[in-house]
Amino acid sequence: MQRSEEVMKGTGRQPTILVVDDERSNLEILRVFLSSLGYRVLLADYPLDAVRMVHHDRPDILLLDVMMPDVDGFALARVLGDFGIPILFISAKSQKEDILLGLSSGGLDYITKPFDLDILSHKIALHLESAQQMRALQRENDQLKQRMYMDPETGLFNRTYLEGVLGALNEKYNAVLTLQLGNLETHSEMEREEHSGFLKEIGGLCSAHIKKHQGILFRLSPDVCCAILRTSRQGCEELAVRVRAEISQYNESRLLAGLRPVEASVEAKLIPYASMRSFLLGGGSEANI
């Protein structure tokens, strides 16, 4: 039998198992056995209690009886499937049709009663380890996407992500806001780092204004940020005024701290959808950023 610390090694936490069965005797047997292996065990003898516990406690695995009052285990598994928690059915129903229905309802395994506790512990350990590996792969995938599509200095979306987004836009996106810093080549490395910090902070300060126009903010180059928008001519003008006001306030705080203000120009204007790619990424007559 594998103990919980062997299954979840390296995670620094005790894995949680939710057992759902309307028979209290079955719950108690599993509680004693699984607790002896080091698992944290939650018990539910009613389907709605199980739903509440999944929402609140987010267990690592679910042991689910099939025959319960009001809602059977197959229906409950379909309800809980979106949480991504491994589900193991435990049931006295052992017909082929029952097993296939359990697997098609979202169960990863189907264990028939009476069951061997050693076999059950092995299956639990196997599915917990598999789920742990899947979460690790998902984290690595998310980190890879972040490195691929996010600017590391500011946390804003980068040019690569912008290129992909432009291919998926619809014609309702009809405007662009640009924020251009002064010529960074004339600044020291420390000042260039400060400018990256400025873009990061201004991005946060202006995000609510930009989202109001269904906009997405990108760092197009070291000295240029842009936002693609769905708005009107008046909306462009109002947004530019608000962003300039945020920059002015930011620079006032720098002056009070004895620092040089950041030079930045802001422009927002309507751009035909068909011309947006060339305007932002170059290669067309309107590429003037």
C-alpha atoms as a PDB file:
ATOM      1  CA  MET A   1       0.000   0.000   0.000  1.00  0.00           C
ATOM      2  CA  GLN A   2       1.254   3.489  -0.831  1.00  0.00           C
ATOM      3  CA  ARG A   3       0.995   6.146   1.821  1.00  0.00           C
ATOM      4  CA  SER A   4      -0.156   9.664   0.971  1.00  0.00           C
ATOM      5  CA  GLU A   5       3.291  11.211   1.432  1.00  0.00           C
ATOM      6  CA  GLU A   6       4.694   8.844  -1.206  1.00  0.00           C
ATOM      7  CA  VAL A   7       2.015   9.838  -3.684  1.00  0.00           C
ATOM      8  CA  MET A   8       2.210  13.602  -3.178  1.00  0.00           C
ATOM      9  CA  LYS A   9       5.938  13.845  -2.514  1.00  0.00           C
ATOM     10  CA  GLY A  10       7.332  17.281  -3.200  1.00  0.00           C
ATOM     11  CA  THR A  11       3.980  19.043  -2.877  1.00  0.00           C
ATOM     12  CA  GLY A  12       4.283  19.755   0.837  1.00  0.00           C
ATOM     13  CA  ARG A  13       0.640  19.030   1.554  1.00  0.00           C
ATOM     14  CA  GLN A  14      -1.670  16.235   2.621  1.00  0.00           C
ATOM     15  CA  PRO A  15      -3.893  14.954  -0.219  1.00  0.00           C
ATOM     16  CA  THR A  16      -7.644  15.095   0.368  1.00  0.00           C
ATOM     17  CA  ILE A  17     -10.109  12.375  -0.596  1.00  0.00           C
ATOM     18  CA  LEU A  18     -13.854  12.957  -0.659  1.00  0.00           C
ATOM     19  CA  VAL A  19     -15.881   9.768  -0.175  1.00  0.00           C
ATOM     20  CA  VAL A  20     -19.557   9.929  -1.208  1.00  0.00           C
ATOM     21  CA  ASP A  21     -21.811   7.044  -0.134  1.00  0.00           C
ATOM     22  CA  ASP A  22     -25.263   6.952   1.465  1.00  0.00           C
ATOM     23  CA  GLU A  23     -24.247   3.983   3.647  1.00  0.00           C
ATOM     24  CA  ARG A  24     -22.633   5.275   6.848  1.00  0.00           C
ATOM     25  CA  SER A  25     -20.910   1.940   7.474  1.00  0.00           C
ATOM     26  CA  ASN A  26     -19.106   2.150   4.127  1.00  0.00           C
ATOM     27  CA  LEU A  27     -18.046   5.723   4.887  1.00  0.00           C
ATOM     28  CA  GLU A  28     -16.629   4.733   8.236  1.00  0.00           C
ATOM     29  CA  ILE A  29     -14.642   1.799   6.831  1.00  0.00           C
ATOM     30  CA  LEU A  30     -13.071   4.021   4.183  1.00  0.00           C
ATOM     31  CA  ARG A  31     -12.460   6.857   6.626  1.00  0.00           C
ATOM     32  CA  VAL A  32     -10.495   4.626   9.010  1.00  0.00           C
ATOM     33  CA  PHE A  33      -8.546   2.911   6.238  1.00  0.00           C
ATOM     34  CA  LEU A  34      -7.637   6.008   4.208  1.00  0.00           C
ATOM     35  CA  SER A  35      -6.793   8.033   7.317  1.00  0.00           C
ATOM     36  CA  SER A  36      -4.364   5.288   8.342  1.00  0.00           C
ATOM     37  CA  LEU A  37      -2.545   5.874   5.058  1.00  0.00           C
ATOM     38  CA  GLY A  38      -2.129   9.588   5.810  1.00  0.00           C
ATOM     39  CA  TYR A  39      -4.905  10.985   3.653  1.00  0.00           C
ATOM     40  CA  ARG A  40      -7.246  13.754   4.751  1.00  0.00           C
ATOM     41  CA  VAL A  41     -10.693  12.224   4.373  1.00  0.00           C
ATOM     42  CA  LEU A  42     -13.982  14.073   3.828  1.00  0.00           C
ATOM     43  CA  LEU A  43     -17.291  12.212   4.023  1.00  0.00           C
ATOM     44  CA  ALA A  44     -20.632  12.948   2.364  1.00  0.00           C
ATOM     45  CA  ASP A  45     -23.717  10.756   2.621  1.00  0.00           C
ATOM     46  CA  TYR A  46     -25.858  12.977   0.405  1.00  0.00           C
ATOM     47  CA  PRO A  47     -25.114  14.219  -3.151  1.00  0.00           C
ATOM     48  CA  LEU A  48     -25.763  17.902  -2.408  1.00  0.00           C
ATOM     49  CA  ASP A  49     -23.292  17.749   0.473  1.00  0.00           C
ATOM     50  CA  ALA A  50     -20.723  16.391  -1.974  1.00  0.00           C
ATOM     51  CA  VAL A  51     -21.293  19.313  -4.357  1.00  0.00           C
ATOM     52  CA  ARG A  52     -20.820  21.787  -1.499  1.00  0.00           C
ATOM     53  CA  MET A  53     -17.605  20.095  -0.348  1.00  0.00           C
ATOM     54  CA  VAL A  54     -16.167  20.048  -3.848  1.00  0.00           C
ATOM     55  CA  HIS A  55     -16.801  23.788  -4.144  1.00  0.00           C
ATOM     56  CA  HIS A  56     -15.408  24.569  -0.707  1.00  0.00           C
ATOM     57  CA  ASP A  57     -12.603  22.041  -0.131  1.00  0.00           C
ATOM     58  CA  ARG A  58     -11.467  21.124  -3.658  1.00  0.00           C
ATOM     59  CA  PRO A  59     -10.463  17.519  -2.867  1.00  0.00           C
ATOM     60  CA  ASP A  60      -7.729  15.808  -4.856  1.00  0.00           C
ATOM     61  CA  ILE A  61      -9.823  12.738  -5.685  1.00  0.00           C
ATOM     62  CA  LEU A  62     -13.446  11.632  -5.364  1.00  0.00           C
ATOM     63  CA  LEU A  63     -14.664   8.142  -4.427  1.00  0.00           C
ATOM     64  CA  LEU A  64     -18.265   8.024  -5.554  1.00  0.00           C
ATOM     65  CA  ASP A  65     -21.017   5.491  -4.935  1.00  0.00           C
ATOM     66  CA  VAL A  66     -23.495   4.961  -7.771  1.00  0.00           C
ATOM     67  CA  MET A  67     -26.757   4.136  -6.006  1.00  0.00           C
ATOM     68  CA  MET A  68     -27.789   7.113  -3.848  1.00  0.00           C
ATOM     69  CA  PRO A  69     -31.066   8.879  -3.075  1.00  0.00           C
ATOM     70  CA  ASP A  70     -32.368  11.642  -5.392  1.00  0.00           C
ATOM     71  CA  VAL A  71     -29.262  11.797  -7.626  1.00  0.00           C
ATOM     72  CA  ASP A  72     -27.315   8.776  -8.787  1.00  0.00           C
ATOM     73  CA  GLY A  73     -23.538   8.777  -8.930  1.00  0.00           C
ATOM     74  CA  PHE A  74     -23.412   8.976 -12.724  1.00  0.00           C
ATOM     75  CA  ALA A  75     -25.456  12.211 -12.778  1.00  0.00           C
ATOM     76  CA  LEU A  76     -23.393  13.655  -9.931  1.00  0.00           C
ATOM     77  CA  ALA A  77     -20.163  12.872 -11.780  1.00  0.00           C
ATOM     78  CA  ARG A  78     -21.408  14.810 -14.801  1.00  0.00           C
ATOM     79  CA  VAL A  79     -22.176  17.800 -12.561  1.00  0.00           C
ATOM     80  CA  LEU A  80     -18.728  17.710 -10.927  1.00  0.00           C
ATOM     81  CA  GLY A  81     -16.788  16.948 -14.089  1.00  0.00           C
ATOM     82  CA  ASP A  82     -15.859  20.591 -14.764  1.00  0.00           C
ATOM     83  CA  PHE A  83     -13.766  20.751 -11.587  1.00  0.00           C
ATOM     84  CA  GLY A  84     -11.133  18.435 -13.061  1.00  0.00           C
ATOM     85  CA  ILE A  85     -11.109  16.164  -9.994  1.00  0.00           C
ATOM     86  CA  PRO A  86     -10.366  12.463 -10.655  1.00  0.00           C
ATOM     87  CA  ILE A  87     -13.507  10.393  -9.992  1.00  0.00           C
ATOM     88  CA  LEU A  88     -13.437   6.706  -9.005  1.00  0.00           C
ATOM     89  CA  PHE A  89     -16.782   4.940  -8.883  1.00  0.00           C
ATOM     90  CA  ILE A  90     -17.332   2.356  -6.144  1.00  0.00           C
ATOM     91  CA  SER A  91     -20.486   0.353  -6.678  1.00  0.00           C
ATOM     92  CA  ALA A  92     -22.216  -2.971  -6.198  1.00  0.00           C
ATOM     93  CA  LYS A  93     -23.534  -2.605  -9.744  1.00  0.00           C
ATOM     94  CA  SER A  94     -21.105  -4.753 -11.682  1.00  0.00           C
ATOM     95  CA  GLN A  95     -22.742  -5.247 -15.065  1.00  0.00           C
ATOM     96  CA  LYS A  96     -20.775  -4.278 -18.149  1.00  0.00           C
ATOM     97  CA  GLU A  97     -23.361  -1.620 -18.996  1.00  0.00           C
ATOM     98  CA  ASP A  98     -22.946  -0.020 -15.556  1.00  0.00           C
ATOM     99  CA  ILE A  99     -19.173   0.096 -15.833  1.00  0.00           C
ATOM    100  CA  LEU A 100     -19.296   1.616 -19.319  1.00  0.00           C
ATOM    101  CA  LEU A 101     -21.852   4.192 -18.161  1.00  0.00           C
ATOM    102  CA  GLY A 102     -19.592   5.146 -15.267  1.00  0.00           C
ATOM    103  CA  LEU A 103     -16.590   5.615 -17.504  1.00  0.00           C
ATOM    104  CA  SER A 104     -18.597   7.628 -20.030  1.00  0.00           C
ATOM    105  CA  SER A 105     -19.947   9.828 -17.208  1.00  0.00           C
ATOM    106  CA  GLY A 106     -16.469  11.062 -16.340  1.00  0.00           C
ATOM    107  CA  GLY A 107     -15.127   8.343 -14.081  1.00  0.00           C
ATOM    108  CA  LEU A 108     -11.476   7.395 -14.453  1.00  0.00           C
ATOM    109  CA  ASP A 109     -12.026   4.017 -12.828  1.00  0.00           C
ATOM    110  CA  TYR A 110     -14.843   1.739 -11.684  1.00  0.00           C
ATOM    111  CA  ILE A 111     -14.365  -0.484  -8.634  1.00  0.00           C
ATOM    112  CA  THR A 112     -16.995  -3.074  -7.810  1.00  0.00           C
ATOM    113  CA  LYS A 113     -18.140  -4.016  -4.309  1.00  0.00           C
ATOM    114  CA  PRO A 114     -17.013  -5.871  -2.363  1.00  0.00           C
ATOM    115  CA  PHE A 115     -13.560  -4.426  -3.012  1.00  0.00           C
ATOM    116  CA  ASP A 116     -10.102  -5.217  -1.743  1.00  0.00           C
ATOM    117  CA  LEU A 117      -8.691  -2.337   0.313  1.00  0.00           C
ATOM    118  CA  ASP A 118      -5.132  -2.920  -0.924  1.00  0.00           C
ATOM    119  CA  ILE A 119      -6.259  -2.742  -4.546  1.00  0.00           C
ATOM    120  CA  LEU A 120      -8.299   0.377  -3.785  1.00  0.00           C
ATOM    121  CA  SER A 121      -5.315   2.110  -2.169  1.00  0.00           C
ATOM    122  CA  HIS A 122      -3.167   1.263  -5.194  1.00  0.00           C
ATOM    123  CA  LYS A 123      -5.727   2.695  -7.605  1.00  0.00           C
ATOM    124  CA  ILE A 124      -6.093   5.859  -5.527  1.00  0.00           C
ATOM    125  CA  ALA A 125      -2.329   6.340  -5.460  1.00  0.00           C
ATOM    126  CA  LEU A 126      -2.096   5.744  -9.208  1.00  0.00           C
ATOM    127  CA  HIS A 127      -4.769   8.311 -10.084  1.00  0.00           C
ATOM    128  CA  LEU A 128      -3.474  10.884  -7.595  1.00  0.00           C
ATOM    129  CA  GLU A 129       0.020  10.614  -9.035  1.00  0.00           C
ATOM    130  CA  SER A 130      -1.340  10.908 -12.567  1.00  0.00           C
ATOM    131  CA  ALA A 131      -3.370  13.998 -11.621  1.00  0.00           C
ATOM    132  CA  GLN A 132      -0.314  15.513  -9.958  1.00  0.00           C
ATOM    133  CA  GLN A 133       1.743  14.986 -13.112  1.00  0.00           C
ATOM    134  CA  MET A 134      -1.010  16.514 -15.256  1.00  0.00           C
ATOM    135  CA  ARG A 135      -1.119  19.609 -13.038  1.00  0.00           C
ATOM    136  CA  ALA A 136       2.669  19.921 -13.262  1.00  0.00           C
ATOM    137  CA  LEU A 137       2.513  19.694 -17.057  1.00  0.00           C
ATOM    138  CA  GLN A 138      -0.258  22.300 -17.118  1.00  0.00           C
ATOM    139  CA  ARG A 139       1.828  24.662 -14.983  1.00  0.00           C
ATOM    140  CA  GLU A 140       4.803  24.204 -17.299  1.00  0.00           C
ATOM    141  CA  ASN A 141       2.569  24.820 -20.304  1.00  0.00           C
ATOM    142  CA  ASP A 142       1.153  27.981 -18.719  1.00  0.00           C
ATOM    143  CA  GLN A 143       4.654  29.221 -17.910  1.00  0.00           C
ATOM    144  CA  LEU A 144       5.776  28.517 -21.470  1.00  0.00           C
ATOM    145  CA  LYS A 145       2.824  30.464 -22.863  1.00  0.00           C
ATOM    146  CA  GLN A 146       3.575  33.301 -20.489  1.00  0.00           C
ATOM    147  CA  ARG A 147       7.210  33.460 -21.616  1.00  0.00           C
ATOM    148  CA  MET A 148       6.103  33.285 -25.229  1.00  0.00           C
ATOM    149  CA  TYR A 149       3.365  35.899 -25.114  1.00  0.00           C
ATOM    150  CA  MET A 150       4.223  38.204 -22.196  1.00  0.00           C
ATOM    151  CA  ASP A 151       6.827  40.943 -22.008  1.00  0.00           C
ATOM    152  CA  PRO A 152       9.053  39.934 -19.049  1.00  0.00           C
ATOM    153  CA  GLU A 153       9.815  43.514 -17.987  1.00  0.00           C
ATOM    154  CA  THR A 154       6.263  44.862 -17.848  1.00  0.00           C
ATOM    155  CA  GLY A 155       3.944  41.842 -17.749  1.00  0.00           C
ATOM    156  CA  LEU A 156       2.088  43.232 -20.768  1.00  0.00           C
ATOM    157  CA  PHE A 157       1.256  41.147 -23.824  1.00  0.00           C
ATOM    158  CA  ASN A 158       4.086  41.267 -26.366  1.00  0.00           C
ATOM    159  CA  ARG A 159       4.380  41.722 -30.120  1.00  0.00           C
ATOM    160  CA  THR A 160       4.148  37.969 -30.768  1.00  0.00           C
ATOM    161  CA  TYR A 161       0.792  37.818 -28.999  1.00  0.00           C
ATOM    162  CA  LEU A 162      -0.385  40.925 -30.856  1.00  0.00           C
ATOM    163  CA  GLU A 163       0.385  39.269 -34.189  1.00  0.00           C
ATOM    164  CA  GLY A 164      -1.768  36.300 -33.228  1.00  0.00           C
ATOM    165  CA  VAL A 165      -4.592  38.457 -31.890  1.00  0.00           C
ATOM    166  CA  LEU A 166      -4.725  40.557 -35.052  1.00  0.00           C
ATOM    167  CA  GLY A 167      -5.389  37.395 -37.034  1.00  0.00           C
ATOM    168  CA  ALA A 168      -8.385  36.590 -34.848  1.00  0.00           C
ATOM    169  CA  LEU A 169      -9.936  40.054 -34.559  1.00  0.00           C
ATOM    170  CA  ASN A 170     -13.225  41.014 -36.105  1.00  0.00           C
ATOM    171  CA  GLU A 171     -14.026  44.265 -37.844  1.00  0.00           C
ATOM    172  CA  LYS A 172     -15.571  45.772 -34.705  1.00  0.00           C
ATOM    173  CA  TYR A 173     -12.044  46.572 -33.527  1.00  0.00           C
ATOM    174  CA  ASN A 174     -11.606  49.932 -35.178  1.00  0.00           C
ATOM    175  CA  ALA A 175      -9.206  52.055 -33.147  1.00  0.00           C
ATOM    176  CA  VAL A 176      -5.666  52.125 -31.766  1.00  0.00           C
ATOM    177  CA  LEU A 177      -4.096  53.944 -28.845  1.00  0.00           C
ATOM    178  CA  THR A 178      -0.323  54.351 -28.911  1.00  0.00           C
ATOM    179  CA  LEU A 179       1.978  55.407 -26.110  1.00  0.00           C
ATOM    180  CA  GLN A 180       5.507  56.266 -27.244  1.00  0.00           C
ATOM    181  CA  LEU A 181       8.401  57.015 -24.942  1.00  0.00           C
ATOM    182  CA  GLY A 182      11.214  59.400 -25.719  1.00  0.00           C
ATOM    183  CA  ASN A 183      14.246  58.081 -27.603  1.00  0.00           C
ATOM    184  CA  LEU A 184      15.598  55.427 -25.251  1.00  0.00           C
ATOM    185  CA  GLU A 185      18.955  55.364 -27.020  1.00  0.00           C
ATOM    186  CA  THR A 186      19.811  58.690 -25.353  1.00  0.00           C
ATOM    187  CA  HIS A 187      19.095  57.322 -21.870  1.00  0.00           C
ATOM    188  CA  SER A 188      21.240  55.321 -19.492  1.00  0.00           C
ATOM    189  CA  GLU A 189      20.558  51.653 -18.789  1.00  0.00           C
ATOM    190  CA  MET A 190      19.099  52.621 -15.401  1.00  0.00           C
ATOM    191  CA  GLU A 191      16.735  55.091 -17.054  1.00  0.00           C
ATOM    192  CA  ARG A 192      15.673  52.486 -19.590  1.00  0.00           C
ATOM    193  CA  GLU A 193      14.847  50.139 -16.703  1.00  0.00           C
ATOM    194  CA  GLU A 194      12.833  52.960 -15.132  1.00  0.00           C
ATOM    195  CA  HIS A 195      10.935  53.338 -18.395  1.00  0.00           C
ATOM    196  CA  SER A 196      10.032  49.641 -18.288  1.00  0.00           C
ATOM    197  CA  GLY A 197       8.769  50.205 -14.760  1.00  0.00           C
ATOM    198  CA  PHE A 198       6.809  53.199 -16.029  1.00  0.00           C
ATOM    199  CA  LEU A 199       5.142  51.119 -18.748  1.00  0.00           C
ATOM    200  CA  LYS A 200       4.262  48.452 -16.208  1.00  0.00           C
ATOM    201  CA  GLU A 201       2.766  50.971 -13.785  1.00  0.00           C
ATOM    202  CA  ILE A 202       0.942  52.978 -16.441  1.00  0.00           C
ATOM    203  CA  GLY A 203      -0.405  49.739 -17.887  1.00  0.00           C
ATOM    204  CA  GLY A 204      -1.952  48.982 -14.510  1.00  0.00           C
ATOM    205  CA  LEU A 205      -3.261  52.511 -13.991  1.00  0.00           C
ATOM    206  CA  CYS A 206      -4.820  52.688 -17.456  1.00  0.00           C
ATOM    207  CA  SER A 207      -6.163  49.153 -17.695  1.00  0.00           C
ATOM    208  CA  ALA A 208      -9.638  50.105 -16.458  1.00  0.00           C
ATOM    209  CA  HIS A 209      -9.859  52.948 -19.002  1.00  0.00           C
ATOM    210  CA  ILE A 210      -8.740  50.659 -21.811  1.00  0.00           C
ATOM    211  CA  LYS A 211     -11.080  47.821 -20.821  1.00  0.00           C
ATOM    212  CA  LYS A 212     -13.973  50.291 -20.910  1.00  0.00           C
ATOM    213  CA  HIS A 213     -13.388  50.393 -24.677  1.00  0.00           C
ATOM    214  CA  GLN A 214     -12.924  46.594 -24.842  1.00  0.00           C
ATOM    215  CA  GLY A 215      -9.235  47.180 -25.431  1.00  0.00           C
ATOM    216  CA  ILE A 216      -6.153  44.985 -25.080  1.00  0.00           C
ATOM    217  CA  LEU A 217      -2.780  46.527 -24.172  1.00  0.00           C
ATOM    218  CA  PHE A 218       0.522  45.351 -25.704  1.00  0.00           C
ATOM    219  CA  ARG A 219       4.189  46.286 -25.556  1.00  0.00           C
ATOM    220  CA  LEU A 220       5.002  46.587 -29.209  1.00  0.00           C
ATOM    221  CA  SER A 221       8.678  47.522 -28.801  1.00  0.00           C
ATOM    222  CA  PRO A 222      10.961  48.792 -26.004  1.00  0.00           C
ATOM    223  CA  ASP A 223       9.601  52.323 -26.345  1.00  0.00           C
ATOM    224  CA  VAL A 224       6.071  51.759 -27.691  1.00  0.00           C
ATOM    225  CA  CYS A 225       2.887  50.386 -26.145  1.00  0.00           C
ATOM    226  CA  CYS A 226      -0.364  50.109 -28.012  1.00  0.00           C
ATOM    227  CA  ALA A 227      -3.949  49.124 -27.330  1.00  0.00           C
ATOM    228  CA  ILE A 228      -6.429  47.881 -29.897  1.00  0.00           C
ATOM    229  CA  LEU A 229      -9.946  49.119 -29.191  1.00  0.00           C
ATOM    230  CA  ARG A 230     -13.625  48.968 -30.055  1.00  0.00           C
ATOM    231  CA  THR A 231     -14.818  52.544 -29.674  1.00  0.00           C
ATOM    232  CA  SER A 232     -15.912  55.771 -31.363  1.00  0.00           C
ATOM    233  CA  ARG A 233     -14.003  58.901 -32.327  1.00  0.00           C
ATOM    234  CA  GLN A 234     -15.210  60.518 -29.119  1.00  0.00           C
ATOM    235  CA  GLY A 235     -14.131  57.423 -27.213  1.00  0.00           C
ATOM    236  CA  CYS A 236     -10.636  57.737 -28.680  1.00  0.00           C
ATOM    237  CA  GLU A 237     -10.378  61.354 -27.582  1.00  0.00           C
ATOM    238  CA  GLU A 238     -11.651  60.624 -24.071  1.00  0.00           C
ATOM    239  CA  LEU A 239      -9.276  57.693 -23.641  1.00  0.00           C
ATOM    240  CA  ALA A 240      -6.253  59.693 -24.785  1.00  0.00           C
ATOM    241  CA  VAL A 241      -7.126  62.456 -22.289  1.00  0.00           C
ATOM    242  CA  ARG A 242      -7.429  59.976 -19.432  1.00  0.00           C
ATOM    243  CA  VAL A 243      -4.115  58.240 -20.248  1.00  0.00           C
ATOM    244  CA  ARG A 244      -2.325  61.594 -20.525  1.00  0.00           C
ATOM    245  CA  ALA A 245      -3.759  62.538 -17.135  1.00  0.00           C
ATOM    246  CA  GLU A 246      -2.417  59.317 -15.602  1.00  0.00           C
ATOM    247  CA  ILE A 247       1.026  60.011 -17.082  1.00  0.00           C
ATOM    248  CA  SER A 248       0.967  63.603 -15.796  1.00  0.00           C
ATOM    249  CA  GLN A 249       0.105  62.413 -12.304  1.00  0.00           C
ATOM    250  CA  TYR A 250       2.846  59.777 -12.493  1.00  0.00           C
ATOM    251  CA  ASN A 251       5.408  62.399 -13.479  1.00  0.00           C
ATOM    252  CA  GLU A 252       4.310  64.736 -10.673  1.00  0.00           C
ATOM    253  CA  SER A 253       5.171  62.024  -8.178  1.00  0.00           C
ATOM    254  CA  ARG A 254       8.586  61.570  -9.839  1.00  0.00           C
ATOM    255  CA  LEU A 255       9.323  65.288  -9.610  1.00  0.00           C
ATOM    256  CA  LEU A 256       8.419  65.289  -5.919  1.00  0.00           C
ATOM    257  CA  ALA A 257      10.907  62.429  -5.480  1.00  0.00           C
ATOM    258  CA  GLY A 258      13.601  64.412  -7.302  1.00  0.00           C
ATOM    259  CA  LEU A 259      13.452  62.233 -10.419  1.00  0.00           C
ATOM    260  CA  ARG A 260      13.304  63.286 -14.045  1.00  0.00           C
ATOM    261  CA  PRO A 261       9.825  62.947 -15.588  1.00  0.00           C
ATOM    262  CA  VAL A 262       9.259  60.348 -18.261  1.00  0.00           C
ATOM    263  CA  GLU A 263       8.730  61.717 -21.755  1.00  0.00           C
ATOM    264  CA  ALA A 264       5.759  60.028 -23.369  1.00  0.00           C
ATOM    265  CA  SER A 265       3.345  60.942 -26.136  1.00  0.00           C
ATOM    266  CA  VAL A 266      -0.145  59.488 -26.399  1.00  0.00           C
ATOM    267  CA  GLU A 267      -2.349  59.250 -29.464  1.00  0.00           C
ATOM    268  CA  ALA A 268      -5.640  57.499 -30.082  1.00  0.00           C
ATOM    269  CA  LYS A 269      -7.352  57.345 -33.437  1.00  0.00           C
ATOM    270  CA  LEU A 270      -9.699  55.330 -35.576  1.00  0.00           C
ATOM    271  CA  ILE A 271      -7.981  52.811 -37.856  1.00  0.00           C
ATOM    272  CA  PRO A 272      -9.886  50.762 -40.443  1.00  0.00           C
ATOM    273  CA  TYR A 273      -9.832  47.101 -39.472  1.00  0.00           C
ATOM    274  CA  ALA A 274      -8.218  46.169 -42.799  1.00  0.00           C
ATOM    275  CA  SER A 275      -5.335  48.586 -42.118  1.00  0.00           C
ATOM    276  CA  MET A 276      -4.722  47.753 -38.466  1.00  0.00           C
ATOM    277  CA  ARG A 277      -2.053  45.108 -39.030  1.00  0.00           C
ATOM    278  CA  SER A 278       0.027  47.284 -41.338  1.00  0.00           C
ATOM    279  CA  PHE A 279      -0.373  50.289 -39.041  1.00  0.00           C
ATOM    280  CA  LEU A 280       0.870  48.401 -35.998  1.00  0.00           C
ATOM    281  CA  LEU A 281       3.355  45.915 -37.399  1.00  0.00           C
ATOM    282  CA  GLY A 282       4.654  47.695 -40.484  1.00  0.00           C
ATOM    283  CA  GLY A 283       4.776  46.580 -44.052  1.00  0.00           C
ATOM    284  CA  GLY A 284       2.126  49.021 -45.198  1.00  0.00           C
ATOM    285  CA  SER A 285       1.761  52.679 -46.001  1.00  0.00           C
ATOM    286  CA  GLU A 286       0.247  53.399 -42.595  1.00  0.00           C
ATOM    287  CA  ALA A 287       3.049  51.830 -40.572  1.00  0.00           C
ATOM    288  CA  ASN A 288       4.104  54.983 -38.752  1.00  0.00           C
ATOM    289  CA  ILE A 289       4.675  53.918 -35.177  1.00  0.00           C
END
